[in-house]
């Protein structure tokens, strides 16, 4: 065995021992240490970035000047790469400091399933915000799975049941979600039908001055209309577990040629997508998002949304702006990857297209007044059903819940 291989193997052994030692100490700590009401543990996208519902709850804490009252701790896979406002503490996921705060926090605010070995103290409030209204089937409603090569649906169901058993509160955006969540997550806690904290900004800050500030912050063109392209991920197209490919059949050359005089295209990857595409030849048309760019802010500055089967459609609907659905693999996705809860053709308030050529055609003929005339009733029905609880006060409601009993 050469020296490099030996060193590599020793590092692996040491890290493995440290990991399991940390977990052993963690389980001991859950019996020794007690949670403190004023400590809140935040995690979004499994620690990948600073975004979503947890972000907006945290920022409302800052807005209300509660930093001295509430000690906020953020969990990240790579804390050194994350920037957060305020004096929140950043900890590395799965490491000692993280495990300590998992024990002593009086509240957890997560938007995805927690690590399987975490054990919530009975006195800790666990607020599961989740990350979207479902179009695709979830949890126990899924009859098959092909996720990063994992096809064991029974194990997936068991893991979900064990995880959701710890959720004390679960946020819902609408009655439709509430019913699905109860069943698909085997959830028996308290459903908080208050809308999503991340959508408060769409209701409270949808004005020209705020939108102009966002464009300036991201250095976005102000002389062109902005299209936001935000597709979901494909369960079976991945590099390794938890890292998915950017799956699309969009012809960016054709899009640029046809639309670049009037539009710029913002490409926003799903948080599970890990891709390194060279967009240089589209410099004057495609704007690639940094992972830190918050999609709620991108909703506000975009004139049109292009998506597929992503829950972004439900949040964006609050703005009542044109949406288009580039569903080139609709039948395959529905039949082989994830079945749907509803018929897209019947409900979505915008055209469903399967080719770039047709997508370009829809964009070029787009006029807001014509779009409203064609899809206005569908938009009314869509908003009434899926934005039912979004009132712009969800973050404040969560903070009141956290502080109750302090």
Protein backbone atom coordinates (compact mmCIF):
# COMPACT_ATOMS: atom_id res chain seq x y z
CA UNK A 1 0.00 0.00 0.00
CA UNK A 2 1.45 3.38 -1.02
CA UNK A 3 1.72 6.32 1.37
CA UNK A 4 -1.14 8.35 -0.21
CA UNK A 5 -3.56 5.44 0.02
CA UNK A 6 -2.55 4.80 3.63
CA UNK A 7 -3.10 8.44 4.61
CA UNK A 8 -6.46 8.46 2.82
CA UNK A 9 -7.57 5.29 4.61
CA UNK A 10 -6.44 6.65 7.99
CA UNK A 11 -8.38 9.88 7.42
CA UNK A 12 -11.48 7.88 6.56
CA UNK A 13 -11.12 5.74 9.70
CA UNK A 14 -10.58 8.79 11.92
CA UNK A 15 -13.54 10.68 10.44
CA UNK A 16 -15.78 7.63 10.73
CA UNK A 17 -14.81 7.10 14.35
CA UNK A 18 -15.35 10.79 15.09
CA UNK A 19 -18.76 10.71 13.41
CA UNK A 20 -20.03 7.75 15.39
CA UNK A 21 -18.47 9.08 18.60
CA UNK A 22 -20.31 12.36 18.06
CA UNK A 23 -23.60 10.52 17.58
CA UNK A 24 -23.02 8.44 20.71
CA UNK A 25 -22.34 11.59 22.73
CA UNK A 26 -25.40 13.20 21.16
CA UNK A 27 -27.70 10.43 22.35
CA UNK A 28 -26.22 10.68 25.84
CA UNK A 29 -26.69 14.45 25.71
CA UNK A 30 -30.40 14.12 24.91
CA UNK A 31 -30.83 12.54 28.38
CA UNK A 32 -28.61 15.03 30.20
CA UNK A 33 -29.19 18.46 28.62
CA UNK A 34 -32.48 20.33 28.48
CA UNK A 35 -33.70 22.65 25.69
CA UNK A 36 -33.82 26.40 26.22
CA UNK A 37 -36.86 28.31 24.98
CA UNK A 38 -34.83 31.17 23.50
CA UNK A 39 -32.65 29.04 21.16
CA UNK A 40 -33.96 28.33 17.65
CA UNK A 41 -32.37 25.92 15.19
CA UNK A 42 -32.94 26.67 11.49
CA UNK A 43 -32.28 24.43 8.49
CA UNK A 44 -33.28 24.84 4.85
CA UNK A 45 -32.81 22.47 1.91
CA UNK A 46 -31.08 19.94 4.18
CA UNK A 47 -28.39 22.49 5.01
CA UNK A 48 -27.54 23.29 1.40
CA UNK A 49 -28.34 26.99 1.49
CA UNK A 50 -29.99 29.96 3.18
CA UNK A 51 -33.45 30.15 1.67
CA UNK A 52 -37.11 29.20 1.86
CA UNK A 53 -39.55 29.37 4.74
CA UNK A 54 -36.90 29.15 7.51
CA UNK A 55 -35.05 32.12 6.01
CA UNK A 56 -38.12 34.34 6.09
CA UNK A 57 -39.01 33.37 9.66
CA UNK A 58 -35.45 34.23 10.68
CA UNK A 59 -35.49 37.56 8.86
CA UNK A 60 -38.78 38.49 10.52
CA UNK A 61 -37.02 37.92 13.85
CA UNK A 62 -34.41 40.44 12.71
CA UNK A 63 -37.10 42.85 11.48
CA UNK A 64 -38.82 42.74 14.86
CA UNK A 65 -35.54 43.39 16.70
CA UNK A 66 -35.70 40.09 18.62
CA UNK A 67 -32.04 39.10 18.19
CA UNK A 68 -31.24 39.76 21.83
CA UNK A 69 -34.21 37.71 22.98
CA UNK A 70 -33.87 34.77 20.57
CA UNK A 71 -30.57 33.03 19.83
CA UNK A 72 -30.73 31.81 16.24
CA UNK A 73 -28.57 28.96 14.94
CA UNK A 74 -28.33 28.02 11.25
CA UNK A 75 -27.33 24.55 10.03
CA UNK A 76 -25.28 24.31 6.82
CA UNK A 77 -23.28 21.66 5.03
CA UNK A 78 -20.68 24.34 4.29
CA UNK A 79 -21.09 27.19 6.82
CA UNK A 80 -18.04 29.06 5.52
CA UNK A 81 -19.72 29.49 2.12
CA UNK A 82 -22.99 30.88 3.49
CA UNK A 83 -23.74 34.51 4.27
CA UNK A 84 -26.58 35.35 6.62
CA UNK A 85 -27.70 38.72 7.99
CA UNK A 86 -27.75 39.50 11.69
CA UNK A 87 -25.73 37.73 14.37
CA UNK A 88 -27.06 34.22 13.82
CA UNK A 89 -24.64 31.38 14.58
CA UNK A 90 -23.63 29.05 11.73
CA UNK A 91 -22.86 25.39 12.46
CA UNK A 92 -21.75 22.51 10.26
CA UNK A 93 -24.32 19.77 9.71
CA UNK A 94 -23.57 16.49 11.56
CA UNK A 95 -20.70 17.97 13.58
CA UNK A 96 -20.43 18.40 17.38
CA UNK A 97 -21.65 21.99 17.56
CA UNK A 98 -24.68 21.18 15.44
CA UNK A 99 -25.55 18.18 17.62
CA UNK A 100 -25.22 20.28 20.76
CA UNK A 101 -27.65 22.88 19.45
CA UNK A 102 -30.03 20.19 18.23
CA UNK A 103 -30.32 19.12 21.87
CA UNK A 104 -30.57 22.52 23.57
CA UNK A 105 -32.77 24.35 21.05
CA UNK A 106 -36.26 25.16 22.22
CA UNK A 107 -37.52 25.15 18.62
CA UNK A 108 -36.52 23.56 15.32
CA UNK A 109 -37.61 25.28 12.11
CA UNK A 110 -36.85 22.95 9.17
CA UNK A 111 -38.25 22.76 5.65
CA UNK A 112 -37.27 19.15 4.84
CA UNK A 113 -36.91 15.89 6.71
CA UNK A 114 -34.33 15.98 9.49
CA UNK A 115 -31.30 13.68 9.78
CA UNK A 116 -32.47 10.19 10.62
CA UNK A 117 -30.46 9.89 13.86
CA UNK A 118 -31.70 13.13 15.45
CA UNK A 119 -33.94 12.71 18.46
CA UNK A 120 -36.18 15.63 19.37
CA UNK A 121 -36.62 16.46 23.04
CA UNK A 122 -40.28 16.38 24.11
CA UNK A 123 -40.00 20.02 25.20
CA UNK A 124 -38.63 21.20 21.83
CA UNK A 125 -41.15 22.73 19.42
CA UNK A 126 -40.62 21.20 15.99
CA UNK A 127 -42.09 23.42 13.26
CA UNK A 128 -41.89 21.64 9.92
CA UNK A 129 -42.51 24.26 7.23
CA UNK A 130 -42.10 21.88 4.27
CA UNK A 131 -41.12 23.36 0.91
CA UNK A 132 -44.14 23.53 -1.36
CA UNK A 133 -47.67 22.63 -2.29
CA UNK A 134 -47.57 19.21 -3.98
CA UNK A 135 -48.29 18.48 -7.61
CA UNK A 136 -46.09 15.35 -7.59
CA UNK A 137 -47.03 12.52 -5.26
CA UNK A 138 -45.26 12.49 -1.91
CA UNK A 139 -44.25 10.15 0.88
CA UNK A 140 -46.67 7.34 1.55
CA UNK A 141 -48.72 8.22 -1.55
CA UNK A 142 -45.84 7.15 -3.79
CA UNK A 143 -46.24 3.64 -5.21
CA UNK A 144 -42.77 3.48 -6.75
CA UNK A 145 -39.45 5.23 -6.40
CA UNK A 146 -36.29 5.67 -8.46
CA UNK A 147 -34.41 8.32 -6.52
CA UNK A 148 -30.62 8.40 -6.97
CA UNK A 149 -30.85 4.69 -7.73
CA UNK A 150 -32.91 3.90 -4.63
CA UNK A 151 -35.92 1.81 -5.62
CA UNK A 152 -36.85 0.44 -2.19
CA UNK A 153 -40.27 2.03 -1.71
CA UNK A 154 -41.02 0.19 1.56
CA UNK A 155 -37.83 1.48 3.19
CA UNK A 156 -38.61 4.98 1.91
CA UNK A 157 -42.09 4.79 3.46
CA UNK A 158 -40.70 3.54 6.79
CA UNK A 159 -38.13 6.33 6.93
CA UNK A 160 -40.80 8.93 6.23
CA UNK A 161 -43.08 7.61 8.99
CA UNK A 162 -40.25 7.66 11.55
CA UNK A 163 -39.25 11.18 10.54
CA UNK A 164 -42.70 12.76 10.52
CA UNK A 165 -43.52 11.25 13.92
CA UNK A 166 -41.33 13.99 15.44
CA UNK A 167 -43.08 16.86 13.65
CA UNK A 168 -45.18 18.76 16.16
CA UNK A 169 -46.40 21.44 13.73
CA UNK A 170 -46.68 21.42 9.93
CA UNK A 171 -47.34 24.49 7.77
CA UNK A 172 -49.88 24.35 4.96
CA UNK A 173 -50.56 26.78 2.10
CA UNK A 174 -54.08 25.50 1.38
CA UNK A 175 -56.72 22.94 2.36
CA UNK A 176 -55.68 20.78 -0.57
CA UNK A 177 -52.17 20.44 0.92
CA UNK A 178 -53.48 19.87 4.43
CA UNK A 179 -55.37 16.75 3.37
CA UNK A 180 -52.47 15.38 1.34
CA UNK A 181 -49.90 16.08 4.06
CA UNK A 182 -51.93 14.30 6.74
CA UNK A 183 -52.12 11.17 4.61
CA UNK A 184 -48.82 11.22 2.70
CA UNK A 185 -46.72 12.11 5.77
CA UNK A 186 -48.76 10.10 8.31
CA UNK A 187 -48.89 13.41 10.17
CA UNK A 188 -50.79 13.51 13.45
CA UNK A 189 -49.58 16.83 14.83
CA UNK A 190 -51.07 20.31 14.52
CA UNK A 191 -51.58 21.65 10.99
CA UNK A 192 -50.80 25.37 10.78
CA UNK A 193 -52.98 26.64 7.93
CA UNK A 194 -51.27 30.02 7.67
CA UNK A 195 -49.61 30.06 4.23
CA UNK A 196 -45.88 30.04 3.62
CA UNK A 197 -43.54 32.52 5.36
CA UNK A 198 -41.51 32.80 2.16
CA UNK A 199 -44.57 34.18 0.37
CA UNK A 200 -45.09 37.11 2.74
CA UNK A 201 -42.64 39.07 0.58
CA UNK A 202 -44.74 38.44 -2.54
CA UNK A 203 -47.76 39.99 -0.85
CA UNK A 204 -46.09 42.78 1.09
CA UNK A 205 -43.30 43.87 -1.29
CA UNK A 206 -44.78 43.61 -4.77
CA UNK A 207 -44.05 47.22 -5.74
CA UNK A 208 -41.86 49.03 -8.25
CA UNK A 209 -39.31 50.41 -5.75
CA UNK A 210 -38.63 47.04 -4.13
CA UNK A 211 -38.42 45.27 -7.50
CA UNK A 212 -35.95 47.89 -8.75
CA UNK A 213 -33.75 47.32 -5.67
CA UNK A 214 -33.65 43.58 -6.34
CA UNK A 215 -32.66 44.12 -9.96
CA UNK A 216 -29.86 46.41 -8.81
CA UNK A 217 -28.68 43.91 -6.21
CA UNK A 218 -28.39 41.12 -8.77
CA UNK A 219 -27.14 43.50 -11.50
CA UNK A 220 -30.00 42.48 -13.78
CA UNK A 221 -30.91 44.35 -16.97
CA UNK A 222 -33.64 46.94 -16.56
CA UNK A 223 -34.18 47.51 -20.27
CA UNK A 224 -35.48 44.00 -20.98
CA UNK A 225 -38.29 41.79 -19.77
CA UNK A 226 -37.18 38.90 -17.57
CA UNK A 227 -38.19 35.26 -17.97
CA UNK A 228 -37.57 32.98 -14.99
CA UNK A 229 -36.91 29.35 -15.94
CA UNK A 230 -37.24 27.20 -12.80
CA UNK A 231 -37.74 23.48 -13.57
CA UNK A 232 -37.78 20.68 -11.03
CA UNK A 233 -35.31 17.78 -10.85
CA UNK A 234 -35.64 14.30 -12.32
CA UNK A 235 -35.36 11.50 -9.75
CA UNK A 236 -33.48 9.17 -12.11
CA UNK A 237 -31.01 11.69 -13.60
CA UNK A 238 -28.22 12.16 -11.07
CA UNK A 239 -24.47 12.16 -10.49
CA UNK A 240 -24.58 10.66 -7.03
CA UNK A 241 -27.00 10.42 -4.13
CA UNK A 242 -28.55 13.84 -3.51
CA UNK A 243 -26.85 15.50 -6.52
CA UNK A 244 -29.04 15.66 -9.61
CA UNK A 245 -28.43 16.73 -13.19
CA UNK A 246 -29.95 19.80 -14.81
CA UNK A 247 -32.50 17.97 -16.96
CA UNK A 248 -34.01 19.93 -19.83
CA UNK A 249 -34.60 19.72 -23.57
CA UNK A 250 -34.80 23.47 -23.99
CA UNK A 251 -32.92 24.70 -27.07
CA UNK A 252 -31.13 27.72 -25.63
CA UNK A 253 -29.65 28.67 -29.02
CA UNK A 254 -33.15 28.94 -30.50
CA UNK A 255 -34.42 30.80 -27.43
CA UNK A 256 -31.60 33.33 -27.70
CA UNK A 257 -32.04 33.87 -31.42
CA UNK A 258 -35.79 34.40 -31.14
CA UNK A 259 -36.11 36.31 -27.85
CA UNK A 260 -32.87 38.08 -26.85
CA UNK A 261 -33.89 41.45 -28.30
CA UNK A 262 -36.77 41.73 -25.86
CA UNK A 263 -36.02 39.26 -23.05
CA UNK A 264 -33.32 37.92 -20.75
CA UNK A 265 -33.64 34.39 -19.38
CA UNK A 266 -32.84 33.66 -15.73
CA UNK A 267 -32.02 29.98 -15.19
CA UNK A 268 -32.64 28.87 -11.60
CA UNK A 269 -31.60 25.32 -10.70
CA UNK A 270 -33.55 23.28 -8.17
CA UNK A 271 -31.61 23.10 -4.90
CA UNK A 272 -30.89 19.38 -5.45
CA UNK A 273 -29.31 20.03 -8.86
CA UNK A 274 -25.51 20.21 -8.98
CA UNK A 275 -24.36 21.38 -12.38
CA UNK A 276 -21.47 23.29 -13.91
CA UNK A 277 -22.71 24.40 -17.32
CA UNK A 278 -20.66 26.95 -19.27
CA UNK A 279 -23.21 29.61 -20.25
CA UNK A 280 -20.66 32.03 -21.76
CA UNK A 281 -21.98 31.85 -25.30
CA UNK A 282 -25.34 33.03 -23.95
CA UNK A 283 -23.85 35.91 -21.95
CA UNK A 284 -26.17 38.51 -23.44
CA UNK A 285 -29.26 36.37 -22.91
CA UNK A 286 -28.99 33.68 -20.19
CA UNK A 287 -28.47 34.79 -16.60
CA UNK A 288 -27.30 31.90 -14.42
CA UNK A 289 -28.34 32.20 -10.79
CA UNK A 290 -25.94 31.84 -7.96
CA UNK A 291 -27.26 29.27 -5.47
CA UNK A 292 -27.63 32.11 -2.96
CA UNK A 293 -30.10 34.04 -5.14
CA UNK A 294 -33.43 33.73 -3.41
CA UNK A 295 -36.17 32.49 -5.71
CA UNK A 296 -38.85 34.59 -3.98
CA UNK A 297 -36.96 37.71 -5.05
CA UNK A 298 -36.63 36.27 -8.56
CA UNK A 299 -40.41 35.82 -8.70
CA UNK A 300 -40.85 39.50 -7.94
CA UNK A 301 -38.55 40.73 -10.71
CA UNK A 302 -39.66 38.28 -13.43
CA UNK A 303 -42.31 39.06 -16.02
CA UNK A 304 -42.95 35.44 -17.00
CA UNK A 305 -42.35 32.07 -15.31
CA UNK A 306 -41.42 28.93 -17.24
CA UNK A 307 -41.53 25.75 -15.17
CA UNK A 308 -42.64 22.13 -15.49
CA UNK A 309 -43.84 20.10 -12.49
CA UNK A 310 -42.29 22.27 -9.79
CA UNK A 311 -44.22 23.71 -6.86
CA UNK A 312 -42.89 27.14 -7.88
CA UNK A 313 -46.14 27.48 -9.84
CA UNK A 314 -48.16 27.75 -6.63
CA UNK A 315 -46.07 30.53 -5.10
CA UNK A 316 -45.72 32.47 -8.35
CA UNK A 317 -49.50 32.43 -8.80
CA UNK A 318 -49.75 34.96 -5.95
CA UNK A 319 -48.37 37.57 -8.38
CA UNK A 320 -50.90 36.67 -11.07
CA UNK A 321 -48.34 36.95 -13.85
CA UNK A 322 -48.07 34.74 -16.95
CA UNK A 323 -46.86 31.17 -16.48
CA UNK A 324 -45.84 28.64 -19.11
CA UNK A 325 -45.21 24.94 -18.62
CA UNK A 326 -42.37 23.36 -20.60
CA UNK A 327 -43.37 19.72 -20.07
CA UNK A 328 -41.38 17.94 -22.77
CA UNK A 329 -41.39 14.63 -20.83
CA UNK A 330 -44.85 14.83 -19.29
CA UNK A 331 -45.99 11.26 -19.96
CA UNK A 332 -42.66 9.69 -18.98
CA UNK A 333 -42.42 11.78 -15.82
CA UNK A 334 -45.97 11.01 -14.76
CA UNK A 335 -45.90 7.30 -15.60
CA UNK A 336 -42.32 6.37 -14.65
CA UNK A 337 -41.06 8.87 -12.05
CA UNK A 338 -43.78 10.64 -10.10
CA UNK A 339 -47.52 10.45 -10.53
CA UNK A 340 -49.53 13.66 -10.05
CA UNK A 341 -52.30 14.63 -7.65
CA UNK A 342 -54.24 16.56 -10.27
CA UNK A 343 -54.62 16.94 -14.03
CA UNK A 344 -52.24 19.67 -15.19
CA UNK A 345 -54.16 20.21 -18.42
CA UNK A 346 -57.31 20.97 -16.45
CA UNK A 347 -55.88 23.24 -13.77
CA UNK A 348 -52.70 25.16 -14.62
CA UNK A 349 -53.35 28.76 -15.76
CA UNK A 350 -51.06 28.78 -18.77
CA UNK A 351 -50.04 26.89 -21.90
CA UNK A 352 -48.44 23.43 -21.62
CA UNK A 353 -45.87 22.96 -24.39
CA UNK A 354 -43.52 20.11 -25.27
CA UNK A 355 -41.08 21.77 -27.66
CA UNK A 356 -38.88 24.86 -27.64
CA UNK A 357 -40.45 25.93 -30.92
CA UNK A 358 -43.92 26.01 -29.37
CA UNK A 359 -42.59 27.72 -26.23
CA UNK A 360 -41.05 30.50 -28.32
CA UNK A 361 -44.31 30.88 -30.20
CA UNK A 362 -46.24 31.33 -26.94
CA UNK A 363 -43.75 33.89 -25.59
CA UNK A 364 -43.62 35.94 -28.78
CA UNK A 365 -47.39 36.30 -28.94
CA UNK A 366 -47.68 37.03 -25.20
CA UNK A 367 -49.65 40.07 -24.22
CA UNK A 368 -50.80 40.32 -20.63
CA UNK A 369 -54.31 41.42 -21.57
CA UNK A 370 -54.71 38.48 -23.99
CA UNK A 371 -53.25 36.08 -21.43
CA UNK A 372 -55.72 37.34 -18.82
CA UNK A 373 -58.60 36.97 -21.25
CA UNK A 374 -57.63 33.39 -22.07
CA UNK A 375 -56.54 32.15 -18.62
CA UNK A 376 -58.24 34.59 -16.22
CA UNK A 377 -60.88 32.18 -14.97
CA UNK A 378 -58.33 29.40 -14.57
CA UNK A 379 -56.12 31.81 -12.63
CA UNK A 380 -59.02 32.72 -10.34
CA UNK A 381 -59.70 29.05 -9.64
CA UNK A 382 -55.99 28.29 -9.19
CA UNK A 383 -55.43 31.13 -6.73
CA UNK A 384 -58.58 30.34 -4.74
CA UNK A 385 -57.52 26.72 -4.38
CA UNK A 386 -53.76 26.96 -3.87
CA UNK A 387 -53.12 30.40 -2.34
CA UNK A 388 -55.97 30.04 0.13
CA UNK A 389 -53.99 30.74 3.31
CA UNK A 390 -51.29 33.11 1.99
CA UNK A 391 -52.10 36.43 3.67
CA UNK A 392 -48.65 37.96 4.22
CA UNK A 393 -48.44 37.27 7.98
CA UNK A 394 -47.14 33.68 8.16
CA UNK A 395 -43.68 34.62 9.50
CA UNK A 396 -45.18 36.72 12.29
CA UNK A 397 -47.52 33.86 13.22
CA UNK A 398 -44.60 31.41 13.51
CA UNK A 399 -42.66 33.81 15.74
CA UNK A 400 -45.67 34.20 18.01
CA UNK A 401 -45.81 30.40 18.29
CA UNK A 402 -42.09 30.17 19.08
CA UNK A 403 -42.30 32.85 21.76
CA UNK A 404 -45.44 31.44 23.36
CA UNK A 405 -44.48 30.21 26.81
CA UNK A 406 -41.08 31.97 26.84
